[in-house]
Every structure is written in structure tokens, then in C-alpha cells.
N, C-alpha and C. Protein backbone atom coordinates (compact mmCIF):
# COMPACT_ATOMS: atom_id res chain seq x y z
N MET A 1 197.21 88.36 92.62
CA MET A 1 198.04 87.05 92.85
C MET A 1 197.27 86.12 91.88
N THR A 2 197.80 85.26 91.35
CA THR A 2 197.37 84.13 90.58
C THR A 2 197.97 82.89 91.12
N ARG A 3 196.98 81.88 91.13
CA ARG A 3 197.22 80.58 92.02
C ARG A 3 196.58 79.62 91.12
N HIS A 4 197.09 78.49 90.88
CA HIS A 4 196.50 77.27 90.22
C HIS A 4 196.00 76.34 91.43
N LEU A 5 194.93 76.09 91.39
CA LEU A 5 194.38 74.95 92.24
C LEU A 5 193.16 73.98 91.73
N LYS A 6 192.94 72.85 92.26
CA LYS A 6 191.90 72.34 91.90
C LYS A 6 190.80 72.28 92.80
N ALA A 7 189.53 72.25 92.36
CA ALA A 7 188.26 72.42 93.38
C ALA A 7 187.29 71.19 92.94
N ILE A 8 186.23 71.22 93.73
CA ILE A 8 185.18 70.35 93.29
C ILE A 8 183.70 71.27 93.11
N TYR A 9 183.14 71.11 92.43
CA TYR A 9 181.73 71.65 92.19
C TYR A 9 180.69 70.98 93.01
N GLU A 10 180.20 71.40 93.95
CA GLU A 10 179.04 70.66 94.69
C GLU A 10 178.13 71.63 95.20
N GLY A 11 176.72 71.03 95.12
CA GLY A 11 176.08 72.07 95.75
C GLY A 11 175.60 73.56 95.34
N GLY A 12 176.25 73.66 93.96
CA GLY A 12 176.28 75.19 93.35
C GLY A 12 177.48 76.06 94.07
N VAL A 13 178.45 75.42 94.77
CA VAL A 13 179.54 75.88 95.09
C VAL A 13 180.88 75.21 94.76
N PHE A 14 181.92 76.11 94.55
CA PHE A 14 183.40 75.50 94.15
C PHE A 14 184.06 75.29 95.49
N ARG A 15 184.30 74.15 96.01
CA ARG A 15 185.11 73.64 97.07
C ARG A 15 186.51 73.51 96.57
N PRO A 16 187.59 74.33 97.14
CA PRO A 16 188.99 74.04 96.77
C PRO A 16 189.56 72.82 97.47
N LEU A 17 190.26 71.86 96.92
CA LEU A 17 190.79 70.88 97.40
C LEU A 17 191.94 71.05 98.46
N GLU A 18 192.53 72.26 98.62
CA GLU A 18 193.42 72.57 99.37
C GLU A 18 193.44 74.17 100.14
N PRO A 19 194.02 74.39 101.14
CA PRO A 19 193.73 75.63 101.82
C PRO A 19 193.86 76.88 100.87
N VAL A 20 192.99 77.96 100.90
CA VAL A 20 193.28 79.07 100.29
C VAL A 20 193.18 80.02 101.09
N GLU A 21 194.20 81.07 101.26
CA GLU A 21 194.34 82.12 102.13
C GLU A 21 193.81 83.43 101.48
N ILE A 22 192.55 83.50 101.42
CA ILE A 22 191.86 84.75 100.99
C ILE A 22 190.80 85.34 102.08
N ALA A 23 190.49 86.52 101.96
CA ALA A 23 189.43 87.01 102.81
C ALA A 23 188.12 86.51 102.52
N GLU A 24 187.37 86.20 103.52
CA GLU A 24 186.00 85.87 103.58
C GLU A 24 185.43 86.94 102.76
N HIS A 25 184.61 86.16 101.78
CA HIS A 25 183.81 87.15 100.85
C HIS A 25 184.59 87.79 99.83
N GLN A 26 185.93 87.46 99.55
CA GLN A 26 186.76 87.92 98.47
C GLN A 26 186.28 87.67 97.02
N GLU A 27 186.00 88.24 96.18
CA GLU A 27 185.77 88.14 94.75
C GLU A 27 186.94 87.58 94.13
N VAL A 28 186.68 86.57 93.34
CA VAL A 28 187.71 85.97 92.58
C VAL A 28 187.16 85.74 90.97
N SER A 29 188.15 85.57 90.20
CA SER A 29 187.70 85.23 88.94
C SER A 29 188.31 83.64 88.71
N LEU A 30 187.38 83.05 88.08
CA LEU A 30 187.81 81.62 87.89
C LEU A 30 187.84 81.30 86.47
N LEU A 31 188.84 80.40 85.82
CA LEU A 31 188.82 79.81 84.71
C LEU A 31 188.62 78.48 84.70
N LEU A 32 187.68 77.81 84.47
CA LEU A 32 187.37 76.37 84.37
C LEU A 32 187.79 75.64 83.43
N GLU A 33 188.19 74.60 83.76
CA GLU A 33 188.80 73.39 82.75
C GLU A 33 188.56 72.22 83.29
N THR A 34 187.59 71.60 82.69
CA THR A 34 187.16 70.12 83.09
C THR A 34 188.22 69.11 82.71
N PRO A 35 188.10 67.91 83.35
CA PRO A 35 189.17 66.84 83.14
C PRO A 35 189.32 66.44 81.74
N ASP A 36 188.35 66.37 80.94
CA ASP A 36 188.28 65.95 79.71
C ASP A 36 188.73 67.12 78.54
N GLU A 37 189.20 68.42 79.00
CA GLU A 37 189.79 69.34 78.63
C GLU A 37 191.19 69.44 78.87
N GLN A 38 191.66 69.10 79.67
CA GLN A 38 193.21 68.82 80.47
C GLN A 38 194.06 68.29 79.51
N GLN A 39 195.10 69.08 79.17
CA GLN A 39 196.11 68.34 78.55
C GLN A 39 197.29 67.98 79.21
N PRO A 40 197.99 66.73 79.03
CA PRO A 40 199.09 66.53 80.23
C PRO A 40 200.31 67.46 79.87
N ASP A 41 201.02 67.78 81.15
CA ASP A 41 202.15 68.59 81.05
C ASP A 41 203.35 67.97 80.50
N THR A 42 204.09 68.53 79.42
CA THR A 42 205.08 67.85 78.93
C THR A 42 206.48 67.54 79.85
N GLU A 43 206.65 68.56 81.01
CA GLU A 43 207.39 68.36 81.72
C GLU A 43 206.69 68.44 83.40
N PRO A 44 206.70 67.65 84.13
CA PRO A 44 206.33 67.48 85.56
C PRO A 44 206.85 68.61 86.30
N ASP A 45 207.94 69.22 86.31
CA ASP A 45 208.41 70.45 87.15
C ASP A 45 208.50 71.58 86.48
N MET A 46 207.24 72.00 85.71
CA MET A 46 207.16 73.14 84.99
C MET A 46 206.96 74.44 86.10
N PRO A 47 207.31 75.62 85.56
CA PRO A 47 207.04 76.86 86.60
C PRO A 47 205.70 76.79 86.87
N LEU A 48 205.22 77.41 87.76
CA LEU A 48 203.49 77.44 88.06
C LEU A 48 203.18 78.16 87.01
N ASN A 49 203.58 79.33 86.32
CA ASN A 49 202.96 80.18 85.39
C ASN A 49 202.96 79.35 84.11
N MET A 50 203.48 78.18 83.65
CA MET A 50 203.22 77.62 82.77
C MET A 50 202.37 76.51 82.73
N HIS A 51 201.68 76.24 83.56
CA HIS A 51 200.46 75.36 83.69
C HIS A 51 199.36 75.68 83.16
N ARG A 52 198.46 74.71 82.57
CA ARG A 52 197.19 75.16 82.01
C ARG A 52 196.40 75.12 83.47
N PRO A 53 195.75 76.22 83.92
CA PRO A 53 195.23 76.27 85.17
C PRO A 53 193.67 75.59 85.02
N SER A 54 193.41 74.84 86.20
CA SER A 54 192.06 74.43 85.95
C SER A 54 191.01 75.62 86.65
N CYS A 55 191.60 76.37 87.39
CA CYS A 55 191.05 77.63 87.92
C CYS A 55 191.93 78.57 88.37
N CYS A 56 192.05 79.73 88.35
CA CYS A 56 192.70 80.67 89.04
C CYS A 56 192.04 81.55 89.94
N VAL A 57 193.08 82.02 90.97
CA VAL A 57 192.58 82.97 91.86
C VAL A 57 193.35 84.14 91.55
N HIS A 58 192.32 85.25 91.64
CA HIS A 58 193.12 86.64 91.54
C HIS A 58 192.55 87.43 92.67
N ARG A 59 193.31 88.25 93.27
CA ARG A 59 193.16 89.29 94.23
C ARG A 59 193.08 90.56 93.78
């Protein structure tokens, strides 16, 4: 599963800004993109797989 979501890094931990339905202690891969690196989308309703993710969750 791949999912685009935003998170806050605090206290050495990434805290998702929305609910994430994965098992406790599930290992994930993160692709980090800080706000200064983000490029605005050219079209607001682009399909999910077309967005540049700030981090991705993989199962």
C-alpha cells in the first residue's frame, strides 16, 4: 500500500496529521520532503499517485 500523508516530526518521532490504519510496530518506508522542497501541484484534483509525496507509507 502506498499513501500520501503529512506528518510532524517532534521528539524524534514522526506524528501523522491524520489517522493511519496500520498495525502497531509495523515497519514503513518514509520519503521525506520538507516544505521548502515542495512544488505546487499544477492541478488541484490530480490522482493520488501523481502527487509528490511528503512521505509514503508502504506495507
